[in-house]
N, C-alpha and C. Protein backbone atom coordinates (compact mmCIF):
# COMPACT_ATOMS: atom_id res chain seq x y z
N MET A 1 -4.88 -6.57 -97.45
CA MET A 1 -3.49 -7.23 -97.29
C MET A 1 -2.42 -5.93 -97.28
N ASN A 2 -2.55 -4.70 -97.88
CA ASN A 2 -1.78 -3.63 -97.67
C ASN A 2 -1.78 -3.02 -96.25
N ARG A 3 -2.95 -3.13 -95.37
CA ARG A 3 -2.74 -2.96 -94.23
C ARG A 3 -2.01 -3.87 -93.12
N LEU A 4 -2.13 -5.06 -93.30
CA LEU A 4 -0.94 -6.04 -92.67
C LEU A 4 0.46 -5.69 -92.90
N ARG A 5 0.53 -5.14 -94.00
CA ARG A 5 1.96 -5.24 -94.24
C ARG A 5 2.50 -3.92 -93.47
N VAL A 6 1.89 -2.90 -93.61
CA VAL A 6 1.96 -1.72 -92.75
C VAL A 6 2.18 -1.70 -91.16
N LEU A 7 1.34 -2.61 -90.69
CA LEU A 7 1.12 -2.95 -89.33
C LEU A 7 2.55 -4.01 -89.19
N ALA A 8 3.06 -4.70 -89.83
CA ALA A 8 3.80 -5.64 -89.60
C ALA A 8 5.33 -4.93 -89.53
N LEU A 9 5.24 -3.52 -90.45
CA LEU A 9 6.62 -2.73 -90.38
C LEU A 9 6.28 -1.70 -89.30
N VAL A 10 5.27 -1.45 -88.93
CA VAL A 10 5.18 -0.90 -87.89
C VAL A 10 5.67 -1.41 -86.65
N SER A 11 5.32 -2.42 -86.30
CA SER A 11 5.81 -3.45 -85.03
C SER A 11 7.21 -3.74 -85.18
N VAL A 12 7.84 -4.04 -86.17
CA VAL A 12 9.27 -4.61 -86.65
C VAL A 12 9.83 -3.23 -86.12
N SER A 13 9.63 -1.76 -86.62
CA SER A 13 10.08 -0.68 -86.52
C SER A 13 10.10 -0.56 -84.85
N ALA A 14 9.20 -0.78 -84.12
CA ALA A 14 9.04 -0.29 -82.85
C ALA A 14 10.09 -1.31 -81.97
N ALA A 15 10.01 -2.48 -82.32
CA ALA A 15 10.72 -3.54 -81.77
C ALA A 15 12.10 -3.10 -81.89
N LEU A 16 12.48 -2.70 -82.93
CA LEU A 16 14.08 -2.29 -82.91
C LEU A 16 14.64 -0.71 -82.23
N VAL A 17 13.11 0.23 -82.25
CA VAL A 17 13.64 1.28 -81.21
C VAL A 17 13.79 0.81 -79.95
N ILE A 18 12.54 -0.15 -79.79
CA ILE A 18 12.83 -0.87 -78.05
C ILE A 18 14.18 -1.37 -78.26
N GLY A 19 14.74 -2.08 -79.20
CA GLY A 19 15.79 -2.72 -78.93
C GLY A 19 17.46 -1.84 -78.74
N VAL A 20 17.21 -0.92 -79.55
CA VAL A 20 18.25 -0.06 -79.79
C VAL A 20 18.33 0.82 -78.25
N SER A 21 17.39 1.20 -78.00
CA SER A 21 17.46 1.86 -76.28
C SER A 21 17.87 0.85 -75.36
N ALA A 22 17.27 -0.23 -75.47
CA ALA A 22 17.83 -1.20 -74.37
C ALA A 22 19.18 -1.60 -74.31
N SER A 23 19.89 -1.69 -75.64
CA SER A 23 20.91 -1.85 -76.06
C SER A 23 22.15 -0.47 -75.42
N ALA A 24 21.52 0.67 -76.06
CA ALA A 24 22.26 1.56 -75.44
C ALA A 24 22.53 1.90 -74.24
N SER A 25 21.51 1.68 -73.30
CA SER A 25 21.52 1.80 -71.77
C SER A 25 21.96 0.71 -71.34
N ALA A 26 22.63 -0.36 -71.99
CA ALA A 26 23.13 -1.68 -71.26
C ALA A 26 24.42 -1.46 -70.72
N ASP A 27 24.88 -0.06 -71.05
CA ASP A 27 26.47 0.27 -70.10
C ASP A 27 26.13 0.62 -68.91
N ALA A 28 25.00 1.25 -68.62
CA ALA A 28 24.58 1.86 -67.70
C ALA A 28 24.37 1.24 -66.34
N PRO A 29 24.69 1.72 -65.09
CA PRO A 29 24.81 0.61 -63.90
C PRO A 29 23.13 0.18 -63.58
N ALA A 30 22.90 -0.79 -62.75
CA ALA A 30 21.88 -1.37 -62.65
C ALA A 30 21.42 -0.48 -61.65
N PRO A 31 20.01 0.05 -61.71
CA PRO A 31 19.32 0.69 -60.45
C PRO A 31 19.03 -0.30 -59.11
N LYS A 32 19.34 0.68 -57.71
CA LYS A 32 19.29 -0.48 -56.61
C LYS A 32 17.97 -0.20 -56.40
N ALA A 33 17.09 -1.28 -55.47
CA ALA A 33 16.09 -1.26 -54.87
C ALA A 33 15.84 0.05 -53.92
N SER A 34 14.91 0.59 -54.24
CA SER A 34 14.25 1.72 -53.16
C SER A 34 13.84 1.13 -51.65
N THR A 35 14.60 1.81 -50.83
CA THR A 35 14.12 1.80 -49.52
C THR A 35 13.14 2.49 -48.80
N SER A 36 12.33 3.01 -49.39
CA SER A 36 11.04 4.03 -49.21
C SER A 36 9.81 3.11 -48.97
N ALA A 37 8.89 3.61 -48.05
CA ALA A 37 8.02 2.87 -47.78
C ALA A 37 6.85 2.70 -48.92
N ALA A 38 6.78 3.46 -49.79
CA ALA A 38 5.94 3.32 -50.81
C ALA A 38 6.09 1.96 -51.83
N PRO A 39 5.17 1.44 -52.68
CA PRO A 39 5.11 0.81 -53.42
C PRO A 39 6.56 1.12 -54.41
N THR A 40 7.45 0.31 -54.99
CA THR A 40 8.50 0.79 -56.00
C THR A 40 8.51 -0.28 -57.00
N CYS A 41 8.78 -0.22 -57.98
CA CYS A 41 9.02 -1.19 -59.28
C CYS A 41 10.70 -1.32 -59.29
N TYR A 42 10.99 -2.48 -58.54
CA TYR A 42 12.59 -2.91 -58.75
C TYR A 42 12.85 -3.30 -60.22
N GLU A 43 13.82 -2.68 -61.15
CA GLU A 43 14.04 -3.10 -62.22
C GLU A 43 15.26 -4.05 -62.41
N PRO A 44 15.26 -5.26 -62.86
CA PRO A 44 16.28 -6.31 -62.39
C PRO A 44 17.54 -5.76 -63.39
N ALA A 45 18.64 -6.14 -62.91
CA ALA A 45 19.81 -6.03 -63.63
C ALA A 45 19.83 -6.41 -65.27
N ARG A 46 20.69 -6.04 -65.87
CA ARG A 46 20.51 -6.79 -67.30
C ARG A 46 20.89 -8.26 -67.65
N ASP A 47 21.78 -8.63 -66.82
CA ASP A 47 22.39 -9.92 -66.76
C ASP A 47 21.93 -10.42 -65.80
N GLN A 48 20.61 -10.21 -64.94
CA GLN A 48 19.77 -11.32 -63.95
C GLN A 48 19.21 -12.13 -64.63
N VAL A 49 18.81 -13.66 -64.47
CA VAL A 49 18.01 -14.25 -64.73
C VAL A 49 16.96 -14.46 -63.70
N LEU A 50 15.92 -14.42 -64.32
CA LEU A 50 14.65 -14.30 -63.47
C LEU A 50 14.13 -15.99 -63.45
N THR A 51 13.48 -16.11 -62.45
CA THR A 51 12.61 -17.57 -62.54
C THR A 51 10.98 -16.95 -62.67
N THR A 52 10.24 -17.89 -62.51
CA THR A 52 8.81 -17.63 -62.92
C THR A 52 8.18 -17.14 -61.87
N GLN A 53 8.16 -17.22 -60.68
CA GLN A 53 8.39 -16.56 -59.34
C GLN A 53 8.74 -15.29 -58.92
N GLN A 54 9.88 -15.13 -59.27
CA GLN A 54 10.31 -14.02 -59.41
C GLN A 54 9.77 -12.62 -60.33
N GLY A 55 9.41 -13.07 -61.41
CA GLY A 55 8.86 -12.51 -62.28
C GLY A 55 7.33 -11.94 -62.01
N ILE A 56 6.75 -13.14 -61.54
CA ILE A 56 5.24 -12.90 -60.93
C ILE A 56 5.38 -11.67 -59.78
N GLU A 57 6.26 -11.82 -58.69
CA GLU A 57 6.56 -10.86 -57.77
C GLU A 57 6.78 -9.42 -58.47
N LEU A 58 7.74 -9.29 -59.47
CA LEU A 58 8.17 -8.23 -60.04
C LEU A 58 7.01 -7.49 -60.47
N PHE A 59 6.15 -8.17 -61.62
CA PHE A 59 4.73 -7.55 -62.12
C PHE A 59 4.13 -7.19 -61.00
N LYS A 60 3.75 -7.86 -59.87
CA LYS A 60 2.50 -7.50 -59.12
C LYS A 60 3.30 -6.14 -58.66
N ALA A 61 4.71 -5.90 -58.23
CA ALA A 61 5.00 -4.81 -57.47
C ALA A 61 5.05 -3.72 -58.62
N CYS A 62 5.30 -3.87 -59.49
CA CYS A 62 5.30 -3.03 -60.58
C CYS A 62 3.98 -2.55 -60.95
N SER A 63 2.92 -3.24 -61.23
CA SER A 63 1.87 -2.63 -61.50
C SER A 63 0.84 -2.30 -60.11
N ALA A 64 1.28 -2.21 -59.18
CA ALA A 64 1.00 -1.67 -57.50
C ALA A 64 1.59 -0.52 -57.77
N ALA A 65 2.93 -0.20 -58.09
CA ALA A 65 3.39 0.98 -58.07
C ALA A 65 3.02 1.82 -59.33
N ASN A 66 2.92 1.42 -60.51
CA ASN A 66 2.48 2.26 -61.30
C ASN A 66 1.15 2.21 -61.91
N ALA A 67 0.32 2.11 -60.95
CA ALA A 67 -1.56 1.93 -61.17
C ALA A 67 -1.92 3.53 -61.78
N ALA A 68 -1.27 4.55 -61.17
CA ALA A 68 -1.84 5.72 -61.61
C ALA A 68 -0.99 6.18 -62.82
N ALA A 69 0.15 5.69 -62.91
CA ALA A 69 0.61 5.97 -64.27
C ALA A 69 0.01 5.89 -65.42
N VAL A 70 0.73 6.28 -66.50
CA VAL A 70 0.17 6.18 -67.98
C VAL A 70 0.96 5.02 -68.40
N PRO A 71 0.00 3.88 -69.25
CA PRO A 71 0.48 2.37 -69.72
C PRO A 71 1.69 2.69 -70.28
N GLY A 72 2.86 2.15 -70.71
CA GLY A 72 4.10 1.91 -71.33
C GLY A 72 4.56 0.95 -71.04
N TRP A 73 5.91 0.85 -72.10
CA TRP A 73 6.46 -0.29 -71.97
C TRP A 73 7.56 -0.70 -70.89
N HIS A 74 7.61 -1.67 -70.02
CA HIS A 74 8.55 -1.80 -68.72
C HIS A 74 9.51 -2.87 -69.10
N TRP A 75 10.85 -2.66 -68.60
CA TRP A 75 11.62 -3.78 -68.41
C TRP A 75 11.32 -4.83 -67.53
N MET A 76 11.20 -6.09 -67.81
CA MET A 76 10.74 -7.29 -67.05
C MET A 76 11.71 -8.27 -66.73
N GLY A 77 12.82 -8.10 -67.41
CA GLY A 77 14.10 -8.69 -67.02
C GLY A 77 14.35 -9.97 -67.82
N ASN A 78 15.48 -10.88 -67.77
CA ASN A 78 15.79 -12.01 -68.49
C ASN A 78 15.10 -13.43 -68.09
N TYR A 79 14.80 -13.75 -68.90
CA TYR A 79 14.20 -15.33 -68.27
C TYR A 79 15.01 -16.49 -69.21
N GLY A 80 15.46 -17.62 -68.28
CA GLY A 80 16.40 -18.45 -68.98
C GLY A 80 15.80 -19.31 -69.92
N ASP A 81 14.53 -19.50 -70.15
CA ASP A 81 14.25 -20.45 -70.78
C ASP A 81 12.45 -20.26 -71.42
N VAL A 82 12.28 -20.46 -72.10
CA VAL A 82 10.80 -20.33 -72.97
C VAL A 82 9.65 -20.52 -71.68
N TYR A 83 9.45 -21.39 -71.16
CA TYR A 83 8.67 -22.15 -70.13
C TYR A 83 8.36 -21.26 -68.99
N ALA A 84 9.83 -20.68 -68.45
CA ALA A 84 9.74 -19.64 -67.29
C ALA A 84 8.85 -18.74 -67.89
N LEU A 85 9.02 -17.86 -68.84
CA LEU A 85 8.52 -16.85 -69.64
C LEU A 85 6.95 -16.80 -69.62
N ALA A 86 6.55 -17.90 -70.13
CA ALA A 86 5.65 -18.53 -70.78
C ALA A 86 4.61 -18.41 -69.48
N ASN A 87 4.91 -19.52 -68.24
CA ASN A 87 4.39 -19.54 -67.09
C ASN A 87 4.28 -17.92 -66.29
N ALA A 88 5.13 -17.05 -66.08
CA ALA A 88 4.73 -15.97 -65.98
C ALA A 88 3.87 -14.89 -66.66
N ALA A 89 3.94 -15.14 -68.01
CA ALA A 89 3.12 -14.47 -68.47
C ALA A 89 1.64 -14.67 -68.22
N ASN A 90 1.47 -16.31 -68.05
CA ASN A 90 0.13 -16.71 -67.99
C ASN A 90 -0.51 -16.25 -66.36
N ALA A 91 0.56 -16.19 -65.52
CA ALA A 91 0.32 -15.91 -64.42
C ALA A 91 -0.31 -14.38 -64.43
N TRP A 92 0.45 -13.50 -65.26
CA TRP A 92 0.28 -12.21 -64.93
C TRP A 92 -1.05 -11.77 -65.94
N GLY A 93 -1.81 -12.98 -66.52
CA GLY A 93 -2.67 -12.20 -67.45
C GLY A 93 -2.20 -11.42 -68.46
N ALA A 94 -1.28 -11.85 -69.25
CA ALA A 94 -0.72 -10.95 -70.48
C ALA A 94 -1.40 -11.11 -71.71
N GLY A 95 -2.09 -10.14 -72.33
CA GLY A 95 -2.96 -10.44 -73.19
C GLY A 95 -1.98 -10.38 -74.48
N PRO A 96 -2.93 -10.34 -75.89
CA PRO A 96 -2.20 -10.10 -76.98
C PRO A 96 -1.56 -8.88 -77.16
N GLY A 97 -0.34 -8.79 -77.44
CA GLY A 97 0.65 -7.50 -77.64
C GLY A 97 1.32 -6.81 -76.50
N GLU A 98 0.94 -7.92 -75.46
CA GLU A 98 1.30 -6.71 -74.33
C GLU A 98 2.68 -7.33 -73.94
N LEU A 99 3.35 -8.36 -74.55
CA LEU A 99 4.68 -8.82 -73.84
C LEU A 99 5.51 -9.10 -75.39
N LEU A 100 6.79 -8.52 -74.85
CA LEU A 100 7.73 -8.08 -76.16
C LEU A 100 9.01 -9.12 -75.63
N THR A 101 9.35 -9.98 -76.26
CA THR A 101 10.44 -10.75 -76.14
C THR A 101 11.66 -10.97 -77.18
N GLN A 102 12.68 -11.11 -76.80
CA GLN A 102 14.14 -11.14 -77.73
C GLN A 102 14.94 -12.18 -77.30
N ILE A 103 15.08 -13.17 -78.15
CA ILE A 103 16.31 -14.16 -77.92
C ILE A 103 17.55 -13.48 -78.03
N MET A 104 18.44 -13.15 -77.18
CA MET A 104 19.66 -12.71 -76.82
C MET A 104 20.61 -14.02 -77.40
N SER A 105 21.89 -13.21 -77.74
CA SER A 105 22.93 -13.89 -78.29
C SER A 105 23.35 -14.98 -77.17
N ASN A 106 23.23 -14.79 -75.76
CA ASN A 106 23.80 -15.66 -74.71
C ASN A 106 22.66 -16.70 -74.65
N GLY A 107 21.33 -16.64 -75.38
CA GLY A 107 20.35 -17.45 -74.86
C GLY A 107 19.11 -17.06 -73.88
N LEU A 108 19.46 -15.85 -73.40
CA LEU A 108 18.37 -15.39 -72.55
C LEU A 108 17.50 -14.82 -73.36
N LEU A 109 16.10 -14.67 -72.42
CA LEU A 109 14.70 -14.04 -73.45
C LEU A 109 14.75 -12.75 -72.57
N ALA A 110 15.24 -11.72 -73.19
CA ALA A 110 15.06 -10.29 -72.75
C ALA A 110 13.60 -9.80 -72.91
N THR A 111 12.85 -9.40 -71.88
CA THR A 111 11.45 -9.13 -71.75
C THR A 111 10.92 -8.01 -71.42
N PHE A 112 10.09 -7.34 -72.46
CA PHE A 112 9.57 -6.29 -71.81
C PHE A 112 7.79 -6.17 -71.82
N MET A 113 6.86 -5.72 -70.81
CA MET A 113 5.74 -5.70 -70.74
C MET A 113 5.10 -4.23 -70.74
N TYR A 114 3.82 -4.32 -71.66
CA TYR A 114 2.96 -2.99 -71.59
C TYR A 114 1.77 -3.02 -70.52
N TYR A 115 2.38 -2.21 -69.69
CA TYR A 115 1.03 -2.07 -68.47
C TYR A 115 1.30 -0.67 -67.89
């Protein structure tokens, strides 16, 4: 039982660190899509709301661009409702612990994915 408490505390502290770093960089200007021929990972703007199809396309582009990179947490954008997020995660084939979502005060679902 003690192991479960430790794991819960670790996951909560990791979520807080990610949330703090995301909110600290919220004032930074949104990056623009690259025009190079190599596959790139477009990072959606902090206030951009994604549809299921846009989320699936973003995941495919980012996973192709980062195939050789070390796995880590990546910003996957905001979703307007739980159903769009669930459909996108199911289409990606996200496994347990690979998706981190936080409900923001404006009702959007800020989402990070581990790949």
